[in-house]
């Protein structure tokens, strides 16, 4: 179906103390498997930054649309087999990022964490997921199902990507100064204020 990677994580990994986000059990109480899938984002989309965002944003929207179609087909297959399945919102809310919880910046559940639990990537200091083939250039979604699928957890993958400890470029260039080198902590309030200011400035520029 043209997904670049796919994996399965067990919902028990979301019970780890290190995980502080929302849990799939809160969405589907009977969840037994979290299917994660993703596509790599073409490198050319990043060449338009920082001068413009239209091509970059449009490419991400195309990737999201592709994932939604793939996930819908998989969900239909699962339900034909007699189990239930639902698709997790990719941007943290049904309608996209701007309708997400700007106070916590938390999605319905962390797809990135589910992908890590499935053994497909590690986190960067900037909280982006870093995959072996595409680095952080990925778009991902997830499917929750009560089907008891075989999980693919890989405990050998480090939580923080090894190359990040000697880089720290994301900390230097973060426009909000929200990323800390101490364990990759994010100042969510600082990030929220910057996002809201940027959004208002964009709206004013269009008026």
N, C-alpha and C. Protein backbone atom coordinates (compact mmCIF):
# COMPACT_ATOMS: atom_id res chain seq x y z
N UNK A 1 0.82 -1.22 0.00
CA UNK A 1 0.00 0.00 0.00
C UNK A 1 0.85 1.27 0.00
N UNK A 2 2.16 1.13 -0.23
CA UNK A 2 3.10 2.26 -0.35
C UNK A 2 3.52 2.88 0.97
N UNK A 3 3.32 2.20 2.08
CA UNK A 3 3.92 2.66 3.34
C UNK A 3 5.41 2.31 3.31
N UNK A 4 6.24 3.19 3.86
CA UNK A 4 7.68 2.94 3.88
C UNK A 4 8.11 2.08 5.07
N UNK A 5 7.34 2.10 6.15
CA UNK A 5 7.61 1.20 7.26
C UNK A 5 6.33 0.94 8.04
N UNK A 6 6.30 -0.21 8.69
CA UNK A 6 5.14 -0.59 9.50
C UNK A 6 5.61 -1.46 10.64
N UNK A 7 4.98 -1.35 11.78
CA UNK A 7 5.34 -2.16 12.94
C UNK A 7 4.16 -2.28 13.89
N UNK A 8 4.33 -3.09 14.91
CA UNK A 8 3.26 -3.32 15.88
C UNK A 8 3.84 -3.22 17.29
N UNK A 9 3.21 -2.43 18.12
CA UNK A 9 3.61 -2.28 19.52
C UNK A 9 2.47 -2.74 20.42
N UNK A 10 2.82 -3.29 21.56
CA UNK A 10 1.81 -3.67 22.54
C UNK A 10 1.43 -2.49 23.41
N UNK A 11 0.18 -2.35 23.80
CA UNK A 11 -0.24 -1.21 24.61
C UNK A 11 0.42 -1.16 25.98
N UNK A 12 1.00 -2.27 26.43
CA UNK A 12 1.64 -2.29 27.75
C UNK A 12 2.83 -1.33 27.82
N UNK A 13 3.46 -1.05 26.67
CA UNK A 13 4.63 -0.16 26.70
C UNK A 13 4.25 1.26 27.14
N UNK A 14 2.99 1.62 26.97
CA UNK A 14 2.53 2.95 27.38
C UNK A 14 2.36 3.06 28.89
N UNK A 15 2.49 1.95 29.59
CA UNK A 15 2.41 1.95 31.04
C UNK A 15 3.77 2.21 31.69
N UNK A 16 4.84 2.29 30.88
CA UNK A 16 6.16 2.56 31.42
C UNK A 16 6.20 3.92 32.10
N UNK A 17 6.86 4.04 33.25
CA UNK A 17 6.94 5.32 33.97
C UNK A 17 7.56 6.44 33.14
N UNK A 18 8.44 6.09 32.18
CA UNK A 18 9.10 7.11 31.35
C UNK A 18 8.11 7.79 30.42
N UNK A 19 6.98 7.15 30.15
CA UNK A 19 5.99 7.71 29.25
C UNK A 19 4.97 8.54 30.02
N UNK A 20 4.82 9.81 29.67
CA UNK A 20 3.93 10.71 30.41
C UNK A 20 2.79 11.24 29.55
N UNK A 21 2.63 10.70 28.34
CA UNK A 21 1.57 11.17 27.46
C UNK A 21 0.26 10.45 27.67
N UNK A 22 -0.68 10.74 26.79
CA UNK A 22 -1.97 10.05 26.83
C UNK A 22 -1.80 8.62 26.35
N UNK A 23 -2.66 7.73 26.80
CA UNK A 23 -2.50 6.30 26.55
C UNK A 23 -3.58 5.78 25.60
N UNK A 24 -3.24 4.77 24.79
CA UNK A 24 -4.24 4.19 23.88
C UNK A 24 -5.40 3.55 24.62
N UNK A 25 -5.17 3.10 25.86
CA UNK A 25 -6.26 2.50 26.65
C UNK A 25 -7.35 3.52 26.96
N UNK A 26 -6.99 4.80 26.95
CA UNK A 26 -7.99 5.85 27.20
C UNK A 26 -8.87 6.07 25.97
N UNK A 27 -8.37 5.70 24.80
CA UNK A 27 -9.13 5.84 23.56
C UNK A 27 -9.95 4.58 23.29
N UNK A 28 -9.29 3.42 23.41
CA UNK A 28 -9.94 2.14 23.19
C UNK A 28 -9.62 1.23 24.38
N UNK A 29 -10.52 1.12 25.34
CA UNK A 29 -10.24 0.34 26.56
C UNK A 29 -9.82 -1.10 26.28
N UNK A 30 -10.29 -1.70 25.21
CA UNK A 30 -9.96 -3.08 24.91
C UNK A 30 -8.81 -3.24 23.93
N UNK A 31 -8.01 -2.20 23.76
CA UNK A 31 -6.92 -2.26 22.77
C UNK A 31 -5.91 -3.34 23.12
N UNK A 32 -5.50 -4.11 22.11
CA UNK A 32 -4.51 -5.16 22.30
C UNK A 32 -3.27 -4.96 21.43
N UNK A 33 -3.41 -4.12 20.40
CA UNK A 33 -2.28 -3.88 19.49
C UNK A 33 -2.33 -2.45 18.98
N UNK A 34 -1.14 -1.87 18.81
CA UNK A 34 -1.02 -0.54 18.22
C UNK A 34 -0.18 -0.71 16.95
N UNK A 35 -0.84 -0.58 15.80
CA UNK A 35 -0.15 -0.69 14.52
C UNK A 35 0.36 0.69 14.13
N UNK A 36 1.64 0.80 13.82
CA UNK A 36 2.22 2.08 13.40
C UNK A 36 2.73 1.95 11.97
N UNK A 37 2.54 2.99 11.20
CA UNK A 37 3.04 3.00 9.85
C UNK A 37 3.45 4.41 9.47
N UNK A 38 4.37 4.52 8.53
CA UNK A 38 4.87 5.83 8.17
C UNK A 38 5.40 5.89 6.75
N UNK A 39 5.60 7.10 6.28
CA UNK A 39 6.21 7.35 4.97
C UNK A 39 7.34 8.36 5.14
N UNK A 40 8.35 8.23 4.31
CA UNK A 40 9.44 9.19 4.31
C UNK A 40 9.03 10.44 3.55
N UNK A 41 9.43 11.61 4.06
CA UNK A 41 9.11 12.88 3.40
C UNK A 41 10.24 13.22 2.43
N UNK A 42 9.93 13.54 1.17
CA UNK A 42 10.97 13.87 0.19
C UNK A 42 11.87 15.01 0.66
N UNK A 43 13.16 14.88 0.38
CA UNK A 43 14.13 15.88 0.82
C UNK A 43 13.85 17.26 0.22
N UNK A 44 13.33 17.29 -1.00
CA UNK A 44 13.09 18.56 -1.67
C UNK A 44 12.14 19.48 -0.93
N UNK A 45 11.26 18.89 -0.09
CA UNK A 45 10.30 19.72 0.65
C UNK A 45 11.00 20.66 1.61
N UNK A 46 12.19 20.26 2.07
CA UNK A 46 12.91 21.07 3.06
C UNK A 46 13.75 22.16 2.41
N UNK A 47 13.96 22.07 1.10
CA UNK A 47 14.74 23.09 0.39
C UNK A 47 14.01 24.43 0.34
N UNK A 48 12.68 24.40 0.54
CA UNK A 48 11.90 25.64 0.49
C UNK A 48 11.98 26.43 1.78
N UNK A 49 12.54 25.85 2.82
CA UNK A 49 12.63 26.50 4.13
C UNK A 49 13.97 27.20 4.27
N UNK A 50 14.08 28.30 5.04
CA UNK A 50 12.98 28.93 5.80
C UNK A 50 12.23 30.01 5.05
N UNK A 51 12.57 30.23 3.75
CA UNK A 51 11.96 31.34 3.01
C UNK A 51 10.45 31.16 2.83
N UNK A 52 10.03 29.94 2.62
CA UNK A 52 8.61 29.70 2.42
C UNK A 52 8.16 28.43 3.08
N UNK A 53 6.85 28.29 3.27
CA UNK A 53 6.31 27.10 3.92
C UNK A 53 5.31 26.36 3.05
N UNK A 54 4.87 26.98 1.94
CA UNK A 54 3.77 26.41 1.14
C UNK A 54 4.12 25.03 0.60
N UNK A 55 5.28 24.90 -0.05
CA UNK A 55 5.65 23.62 -0.63
C UNK A 55 5.91 22.57 0.45
N UNK A 56 6.58 23.00 1.52
CA UNK A 56 6.85 22.11 2.64
C UNK A 56 5.55 21.62 3.26
N UNK A 57 4.65 22.54 3.56
CA UNK A 57 3.38 22.18 4.20
C UNK A 57 2.54 21.30 3.27
N UNK A 58 2.51 21.63 1.99
CA UNK A 58 1.72 20.85 1.04
C UNK A 58 2.23 19.43 0.93
N UNK A 59 3.56 19.26 0.98
CA UNK A 59 4.14 17.92 0.93
C UNK A 59 3.76 17.12 2.16
N UNK A 60 3.79 17.76 3.34
CA UNK A 60 3.39 17.07 4.57
C UNK A 60 1.92 16.67 4.51
N UNK A 61 1.08 17.55 3.96
CA UNK A 61 -0.35 17.24 3.85
C UNK A 61 -0.57 16.04 2.93
N UNK A 62 0.22 15.97 1.84
CA UNK A 62 0.11 14.83 0.92
C UNK A 62 0.52 13.54 1.62
N UNK A 63 1.58 13.61 2.45
CA UNK A 63 2.02 12.43 3.20
C UNK A 63 0.95 11.99 4.18
N UNK A 64 0.32 12.97 4.86
CA UNK A 64 -0.74 12.65 5.82
C UNK A 64 -1.93 12.01 5.12
N UNK A 65 -2.31 12.56 3.95
CA UNK A 65 -3.43 12.00 3.20
C UNK A 65 -3.13 10.56 2.76
N UNK A 66 -1.89 10.32 2.35
CA UNK A 66 -1.48 8.97 1.94
C UNK A 66 -1.62 7.99 3.11
N UNK A 67 -1.15 8.42 4.29
CA UNK A 67 -1.23 7.56 5.47
C UNK A 67 -2.67 7.28 5.88
N UNK A 68 -3.53 8.27 5.76
CA UNK A 68 -4.93 8.07 6.13
C UNK A 68 -5.60 7.03 5.24
N UNK A 69 -5.27 7.06 3.95
CA UNK A 69 -5.85 6.09 3.03
C UNK A 69 -5.35 4.68 3.34
N UNK A 70 -4.04 4.56 3.58
CA UNK A 70 -3.47 3.25 3.91
C UNK A 70 -4.07 2.72 5.21
N UNK A 71 -4.12 3.58 6.23
CA UNK A 71 -4.65 3.16 7.53
C UNK A 71 -6.12 2.77 7.44
N UNK A 72 -6.88 3.49 6.62
CA UNK A 72 -8.30 3.16 6.46
C UNK A 72 -8.45 1.78 5.84
N UNK A 73 -7.64 1.47 4.84
CA UNK A 73 -7.72 0.16 4.19
C UNK A 73 -7.36 -0.96 5.17
N UNK A 74 -6.32 -0.71 6.00
CA UNK A 74 -5.92 -1.72 6.99
C UNK A 74 -7.03 -1.91 8.03
N UNK A 75 -7.63 -0.80 8.48
CA UNK A 75 -8.71 -0.89 9.46
C UNK A 75 -9.89 -1.68 8.90
N UNK A 76 -10.19 -1.49 7.63
CA UNK A 76 -11.28 -2.24 7.01
C UNK A 76 -10.97 -3.74 6.96
N UNK A 77 -9.70 -4.07 6.66
CA UNK A 77 -9.30 -5.48 6.61
C UNK A 77 -9.44 -6.12 7.99
N UNK A 78 -9.01 -5.39 9.03
CA UNK A 78 -9.09 -5.91 10.40
C UNK A 78 -10.54 -6.18 10.78
N UNK A 79 -11.43 -5.26 10.42
CA UNK A 79 -12.83 -5.42 10.81
C UNK A 79 -13.52 -6.53 10.01
N UNK A 80 -13.04 -6.78 8.80
CA UNK A 80 -13.58 -7.91 8.04
C UNK A 80 -13.24 -9.23 8.71
N UNK A 81 -12.14 -9.23 9.49
CA UNK A 81 -11.74 -10.44 10.21
C UNK A 81 -12.46 -10.57 11.55
N UNK A 82 -13.33 -9.59 11.87
CA UNK A 82 -14.14 -9.69 13.08
C UNK A 82 -13.66 -8.91 14.28
N UNK A 83 -12.57 -8.12 14.11
CA UNK A 83 -12.06 -7.29 15.21
C UNK A 83 -12.39 -5.83 14.94
N UNK A 84 -12.11 -4.99 15.94
CA UNK A 84 -12.37 -3.56 15.81
C UNK A 84 -11.06 -2.81 15.57
N UNK A 85 -11.16 -1.68 14.86
CA UNK A 85 -9.98 -0.87 14.59
C UNK A 85 -10.38 0.59 14.42
N UNK A 86 -9.51 1.50 14.89
CA UNK A 86 -9.74 2.93 14.70
C UNK A 86 -8.41 3.61 14.45
N UNK A 87 -8.44 4.71 13.70
CA UNK A 87 -7.22 5.39 13.28
C UNK A 87 -6.95 6.57 14.20
N UNK A 88 -5.72 6.66 14.68
CA UNK A 88 -5.31 7.74 15.58
C UNK A 88 -5.08 9.03 14.77
N UNK A 89 -5.58 10.18 15.23
CA UNK A 89 -5.32 11.44 14.53
C UNK A 89 -3.82 11.73 14.45
N UNK A 90 -3.33 11.99 13.26
CA UNK A 90 -1.90 12.16 13.05
C UNK A 90 -1.35 13.41 13.72
N UNK A 91 -2.09 14.51 13.66
CA UNK A 91 -1.57 15.76 14.22
C UNK A 91 -2.01 16.02 15.65
N UNK A 92 -2.63 15.10 16.30
CA UNK A 92 -2.99 15.30 17.69
C UNK A 92 -4.43 15.69 17.91
N UNK A 93 -5.17 15.93 16.81
CA UNK A 93 -6.60 16.16 16.94
C UNK A 93 -7.25 15.80 15.62
N UNK A 94 -8.54 15.67 15.64
CA UNK A 94 -9.26 15.24 14.43
C UNK A 94 -9.09 16.24 13.29
N UNK A 95 -8.93 17.50 13.63
CA UNK A 95 -8.93 18.53 12.59
C UNK A 95 -7.56 19.12 12.31
N UNK A 96 -6.51 18.61 12.94
CA UNK A 96 -5.18 19.12 12.66
C UNK A 96 -4.55 19.80 13.85
N UNK A 97 -3.33 20.26 13.66
CA UNK A 97 -2.52 20.76 14.77
C UNK A 97 -3.15 21.94 15.48
N UNK A 98 -3.77 22.86 14.74
CA UNK A 98 -4.25 24.09 15.36
C UNK A 98 -5.41 23.86 16.31
N UNK A 99 -6.03 22.68 16.23
CA UNK A 99 -7.12 22.36 17.15
C UNK A 99 -6.66 21.44 18.28
N UNK A 100 -5.35 21.17 18.32
CA UNK A 100 -4.82 20.33 19.39
C UNK A 100 -4.74 21.13 20.69
N UNK A 101 -4.41 20.46 21.76
CA UNK A 101 -4.29 21.10 23.07
C UNK A 101 -2.99 21.91 23.12
N UNK A 102 -3.09 23.23 22.95
CA UNK A 102 -1.90 24.07 22.91
C UNK A 102 -1.29 24.29 24.28
N UNK A 103 -1.99 23.93 25.33
CA UNK A 103 -1.43 24.06 26.67
C UNK A 103 -0.44 22.93 26.96
N UNK A 104 -0.79 21.73 26.56
CA UNK A 104 0.08 20.58 26.86
C UNK A 104 0.89 20.13 25.64
N UNK A 105 0.44 20.50 24.44
CA UNK A 105 1.05 20.03 23.19
C UNK A 105 1.08 18.50 23.13
N UNK A 106 0.10 17.87 23.75
CA UNK A 106 0.03 16.41 23.75
C UNK A 106 -1.07 15.93 22.81
N UNK A 107 -0.74 14.92 22.02
CA UNK A 107 -1.71 14.31 21.13
C UNK A 107 -2.56 13.31 21.91
N UNK A 108 -3.52 12.68 21.22
CA UNK A 108 -4.34 11.66 21.86
C UNK A 108 -3.49 10.53 22.41
N UNK A 109 -2.40 10.25 21.74
CA UNK A 109 -1.33 9.39 22.24
C UNK A 109 -0.11 9.68 21.38
N UNK A 110 1.06 9.33 21.87
CA UNK A 110 2.30 9.61 21.14
C UNK A 110 2.57 8.51 20.12
N UNK A 111 2.36 8.84 18.85
CA UNK A 111 2.68 7.89 17.78
C UNK A 111 4.18 7.66 17.73
N UNK A 112 4.96 8.70 18.00
CA UNK A 112 6.42 8.56 17.99
C UNK A 112 6.86 7.52 19.02
N UNK A 113 6.25 7.56 20.19
CA UNK A 113 6.62 6.60 21.23
C UNK A 113 6.22 5.19 20.83
N UNK A 114 5.07 5.06 20.17
CA UNK A 114 4.63 3.75 19.71
C UNK A 114 5.59 3.20 18.66
N UNK A 115 6.08 4.08 17.77
CA UNK A 115 7.04 3.66 16.75
C UNK A 115 8.35 3.22 17.41
N UNK A 116 8.76 3.94 18.45
CA UNK A 116 9.95 3.55 19.19
C UNK A 116 9.76 2.18 19.84
N UNK A 117 8.60 1.97 20.45
CA UNK A 117 8.32 0.68 21.10
C UNK A 117 8.28 -0.46 20.09
N UNK A 118 7.92 -0.14 18.84
CA UNK A 118 7.90 -1.16 17.80
C UNK A 118 9.29 -1.42 17.22
N UNK A 119 10.30 -0.70 17.74
CA UNK A 119 11.67 -0.95 17.32
C UNK A 119 12.06 -0.30 16.01
N UNK A 120 11.39 0.81 15.65
CA UNK A 120 11.63 1.43 14.35
C UNK A 120 12.36 2.76 14.42
N UNK A 121 12.65 3.26 15.61
CA UNK A 121 13.34 4.53 15.71
C UNK A 121 13.61 4.95 17.14
N UNK A 122 14.46 5.97 17.28
CA UNK A 122 14.78 6.55 18.59
C UNK A 122 14.47 8.04 18.55
N UNK A 123 14.44 8.64 19.73
CA UNK A 123 14.12 10.06 19.83
C UNK A 123 15.37 10.92 19.70
N UNK A 124 15.18 12.11 19.11
CA UNK A 124 16.23 13.12 19.11
C UNK A 124 16.04 14.03 20.31
N UNK A 125 17.01 14.89 20.56
CA UNK A 125 16.90 15.82 21.67
C UNK A 125 15.73 16.78 21.48
N UNK A 126 15.32 16.97 20.22
CA UNK A 126 14.20 17.86 19.91
C UNK A 126 12.86 17.13 19.91
N UNK A 127 12.85 15.90 20.38
CA UNK A 127 11.66 15.06 20.49
C UNK A 127 11.13 14.58 19.15
N UNK A 128 11.86 14.80 18.06
CA UNK A 128 11.48 14.19 16.80
C UNK A 128 11.96 12.75 16.79
N UNK A 129 11.22 11.89 16.09
CA UNK A 129 11.64 10.50 15.97
C UNK A 129 12.67 10.40 14.86
N UNK A 130 13.74 9.66 15.10
CA UNK A 130 14.80 9.49 14.11
C UNK A 130 14.82 8.03 13.68
N UNK A 131 14.58 7.80 12.40
CA UNK A 131 14.57 6.45 11.85
C UNK A 131 15.88 6.19 11.12
N UNK A 132 16.20 4.91 10.93
CA UNK A 132 17.47 4.54 10.31
C UNK A 132 17.53 4.99 8.86
N UNK A 133 16.44 4.82 8.12
CA UNK A 133 16.45 5.10 6.69
C UNK A 133 16.17 6.55 6.35
N UNK A 134 15.26 7.19 7.09
CA UNK A 134 14.82 8.53 6.74
C UNK A 134 15.22 9.60 7.74
N UNK A 135 15.89 9.23 8.81
CA UNK A 135 16.19 10.21 9.84
C UNK A 135 14.88 10.75 10.42
N UNK A 136 14.78 12.07 10.61
CA UNK A 136 13.54 12.64 11.14
C UNK A 136 12.53 13.00 10.05
N UNK A 137 12.85 12.71 8.77
CA UNK A 137 11.98 13.08 7.66
C UNK A 137 10.86 12.05 7.48
N UNK A 138 9.99 11.93 8.46
CA UNK A 138 8.93 10.94 8.40
C UNK A 138 7.59 11.54 8.81
N UNK A 139 6.54 10.97 8.28
CA UNK A 139 5.17 11.26 8.69
C UNK A 139 4.58 9.93 9.13
N UNK A 140 3.86 9.90 10.25
CA UNK A 140 3.42 8.63 10.82
C UNK A 140 1.96 8.70 11.25
N UNK A 141 1.35 7.53 11.32
CA UNK A 141 0.02 7.40 11.91
C UNK A 141 -0.04 6.06 12.63
N UNK A 142 -1.16 5.81 13.30
CA UNK A 142 -1.30 4.57 14.07
C UNK A 142 -2.75 4.09 14.03
N UNK A 143 -2.89 2.80 14.20
CA UNK A 143 -4.21 2.17 14.26
C UNK A 143 -4.32 1.42 15.57
N UNK A 144 -5.38 1.67 16.30
CA UNK A 144 -5.65 0.91 17.52
C UNK A 144 -6.63 -0.21 17.19
N UNK A 145 -6.35 -1.40 17.69
CA UNK A 145 -7.24 -2.53 17.42
C UNK A 145 -7.29 -3.47 18.61
N UNK A 146 -8.42 -4.16 18.74
CA UNK A 146 -8.53 -5.18 19.78
C UNK A 146 -8.10 -6.54 19.26
N UNK A 147 -7.52 -6.57 18.04
CA UNK A 147 -6.97 -7.82 17.51
C UNK A 147 -5.65 -8.13 18.21
N UNK A 148 -5.46 -9.34 18.71
CA UNK A 148 -4.22 -9.70 19.41
C UNK A 148 -3.10 -10.03 18.43
N UNK A 149 -2.45 -8.99 17.88
CA UNK A 149 -1.41 -9.18 16.89
C UNK A 149 -0.05 -9.39 17.55
N UNK A 150 0.85 -10.02 16.83
CA UNK A 150 2.20 -10.26 17.35
C UNK A 150 2.99 -8.96 17.35
N UNK A 151 3.48 -8.54 18.49
CA UNK A 151 4.21 -7.28 18.59
C UNK A 151 5.66 -7.45 18.17
N UNK A 152 6.31 -6.30 17.92
CA UNK A 152 7.67 -6.31 17.40
C UNK A 152 8.57 -5.38 18.22
N UNK A 153 8.36 -5.36 19.54
CA UNK A 153 9.15 -4.47 20.37
C UNK A 153 10.64 -4.82 20.31
N UNK A 154 11.47 -3.80 20.32
CA UNK A 154 12.92 -3.99 20.27
C UNK A 154 13.54 -3.19 21.40
N UNK A 155 13.79 -3.86 22.50
CA UNK A 155 14.30 -3.18 23.69
C UNK A 155 15.74 -2.71 23.51
N UNK A 156 16.43 -3.18 22.47
CA UNK A 156 17.82 -2.82 22.27
C UNK A 156 17.99 -1.42 21.70
N UNK A 157 16.96 -0.85 21.12
CA UNK A 157 17.07 0.50 20.59
C UNK A 157 17.16 1.50 21.74
N UNK A 158 18.15 2.41 21.73
CA UNK A 158 18.22 3.42 22.78
C UNK A 158 17.06 4.40 22.67
N UNK A 159 16.64 4.95 23.78
CA UNK A 159 15.54 5.91 23.74
C UNK A 159 15.99 7.19 23.03
N UNK A 160 17.18 7.71 23.36
CA UNK A 160 17.75 8.88 22.70
C UNK A 160 18.76 8.42 21.66
N UNK A 161 18.63 8.92 20.43
CA UNK A 161 19.55 8.56 19.37
C UNK A 161 20.98 8.91 19.74
N UNK A 162 21.91 8.00 19.49
CA UNK A 162 23.29 8.16 19.93
C UNK A 162 23.97 9.39 19.34
N UNK A 163 23.63 9.74 18.09
CA UNK A 163 24.31 10.87 17.44
C UNK A 163 23.92 12.21 18.05
N UNK A 164 22.81 12.25 18.78
CA UNK A 164 22.32 13.53 19.32
C UNK A 164 23.22 14.07 20.44
N UNK A 165 23.88 13.21 21.17
CA UNK A 165 24.67 13.64 22.31
C UNK A 165 25.87 14.50 21.91
N UNK A 166 26.30 14.38 20.66
CA UNK A 166 27.44 15.17 20.20
C UNK A 166 27.07 16.24 19.18
N UNK A 167 25.79 16.47 18.99
CA UNK A 167 25.35 17.42 17.96
C UNK A 167 24.79 18.72 18.57
N UNK A 168 23.60 18.63 19.15
CA UNK A 168 22.93 19.74 19.84
C UNK A 168 22.55 20.90 18.91
N UNK A 169 22.56 20.71 17.60
CA UNK A 169 22.20 21.80 16.69
C UNK A 169 20.75 22.25 16.87
N UNK A 170 19.86 21.30 17.17
CA UNK A 170 18.45 21.66 17.34
C UNK A 170 18.27 22.62 18.52
N UNK A 171 19.09 22.44 19.55
CA UNK A 171 19.02 23.33 20.72
C UNK A 171 19.48 24.73 20.35
N UNK A 172 20.50 24.80 19.51
CA UNK A 172 21.06 26.10 19.11
C UNK A 172 20.09 26.89 18.23
N UNK A 173 19.34 26.22 17.35
CA UNK A 173 18.52 26.93 16.37
C UNK A 173 17.05 27.03 16.76
N UNK A 174 16.63 26.41 17.84
CA UNK A 174 15.21 26.47 18.24
C UNK A 174 14.79 27.92 18.42
N UNK A 175 13.84 28.42 17.62
CA UNK A 175 13.45 29.84 17.68
C UNK A 175 12.83 30.25 19.01
N UNK A 176 12.27 29.28 19.74
CA UNK A 176 11.65 29.59 21.03
C UNK A 176 12.59 29.37 22.19
N UNK A 177 13.77 28.79 21.93
CA UNK A 177 14.69 28.46 23.01
C UNK A 177 14.08 27.47 23.98
N UNK A 178 13.25 26.58 23.45
CA UNK A 178 12.45 25.70 24.31
C UNK A 178 13.09 24.35 24.58
N UNK A 179 14.20 24.03 23.88
CA UNK A 179 14.81 22.71 24.03
C UNK A 179 16.00 22.79 24.97
N UNK A 180 16.01 21.91 25.95
CA UNK A 180 17.09 21.88 26.92
C UNK A 180 18.03 20.71 26.62
N UNK A 181 19.33 20.93 26.82
CA UNK A 181 20.30 19.86 26.64
C UNK A 181 20.30 18.87 27.78
N UNK A 182 19.57 19.16 28.84
CA UNK A 182 19.51 18.28 30.00
C UNK A 182 18.43 17.23 29.79
N UNK A 183 18.80 16.17 29.08
CA UNK A 183 17.86 15.08 28.87
C UNK A 183 16.82 15.36 27.80
N UNK A 184 17.02 16.42 27.00
CA UNK A 184 16.09 16.71 25.93
C UNK A 184 14.73 17.19 26.40
N UNK A 185 14.70 17.93 27.50
CA UNK A 185 13.43 18.44 28.01
C UNK A 185 12.92 19.60 27.14
N UNK A 186 11.60 19.65 26.97
CA UNK A 186 10.96 20.69 26.16
C UNK A 186 10.20 21.64 27.07
N UNK A 187 10.46 22.95 26.90
CA UNK A 187 9.67 23.95 27.60
C UNK A 187 8.37 24.17 26.86
N UNK A 188 7.35 23.43 27.22
CA UNK A 188 6.11 23.43 26.45
C UNK A 188 5.46 24.82 26.39
N UNK A 189 5.52 25.55 27.49
CA UNK A 189 4.92 26.89 27.51
C UNK A 189 5.63 27.81 26.53
N UNK A 190 6.96 27.75 26.50
CA UNK A 190 7.74 28.58 25.59
C UNK A 190 7.40 28.24 24.14
N UNK A 191 7.26 26.96 23.86
CA UNK A 191 6.92 26.52 22.51
C UNK A 191 5.52 26.98 22.13
N UNK A 192 4.58 26.87 23.08
CA UNK A 192 3.21 27.27 22.82
C UNK A 192 3.12 28.75 22.48
N UNK A 193 3.78 29.58 23.25
CA UNK A 193 3.76 31.02 23.02
C UNK A 193 4.31 31.36 21.64
N UNK A 194 5.40 30.71 21.26
CA UNK A 194 6.01 30.96 19.96
C UNK A 194 5.07 30.54 18.83
N UNK A 195 4.44 29.36 18.98
CA UNK A 195 3.52 28.87 17.95
C UNK A 195 2.35 29.83 17.79
N UNK A 196 1.78 30.28 18.89
CA UNK A 196 0.63 31.19 18.84
C UNK A 196 1.03 32.52 18.21
N UNK A 197 2.20 33.03 18.54
CA UNK A 197 2.67 34.30 17.98
C UNK A 197 2.89 34.16 16.47
N UNK A 198 3.51 33.05 16.04
CA UNK A 198 3.78 32.83 14.62
C UNK A 198 2.48 32.71 13.85
N UNK A 199 1.50 32.02 14.44
CA UNK A 199 0.20 31.86 13.78
C UNK A 199 -0.49 33.20 13.61
N UNK A 200 -0.50 34.03 14.65
CA UNK A 200 -1.14 35.34 14.55
C UNK A 200 -0.45 36.21 13.52
N UNK A 201 0.89 36.16 13.48
CA UNK A 201 1.65 36.95 12.51
C UNK A 201 1.32 36.51 11.09
N UNK A 202 1.13 35.20 10.87
CA UNK A 202 0.81 34.68 9.55
C UNK A 202 -0.57 35.16 9.12
N UNK A 203 -1.52 35.16 10.06
CA UNK A 203 -2.87 35.62 9.75
C UNK A 203 -2.87 37.10 9.39
N UNK A 204 -2.11 37.90 10.17
CA UNK A 204 -2.04 39.34 9.88
C UNK A 204 -1.44 39.59 8.50
N UNK A 205 -0.46 38.79 8.12
CA UNK A 205 0.21 38.97 6.83
C UNK A 205 -0.74 38.67 5.67
N UNK A 206 -1.71 37.77 5.91
CA UNK A 206 -2.67 37.41 4.87
C UNK A 206 -3.80 38.41 4.74
N UNK A 207 -4.02 39.21 5.79
CA UNK A 207 -5.15 40.14 5.80
C UNK A 207 -4.83 41.43 5.02
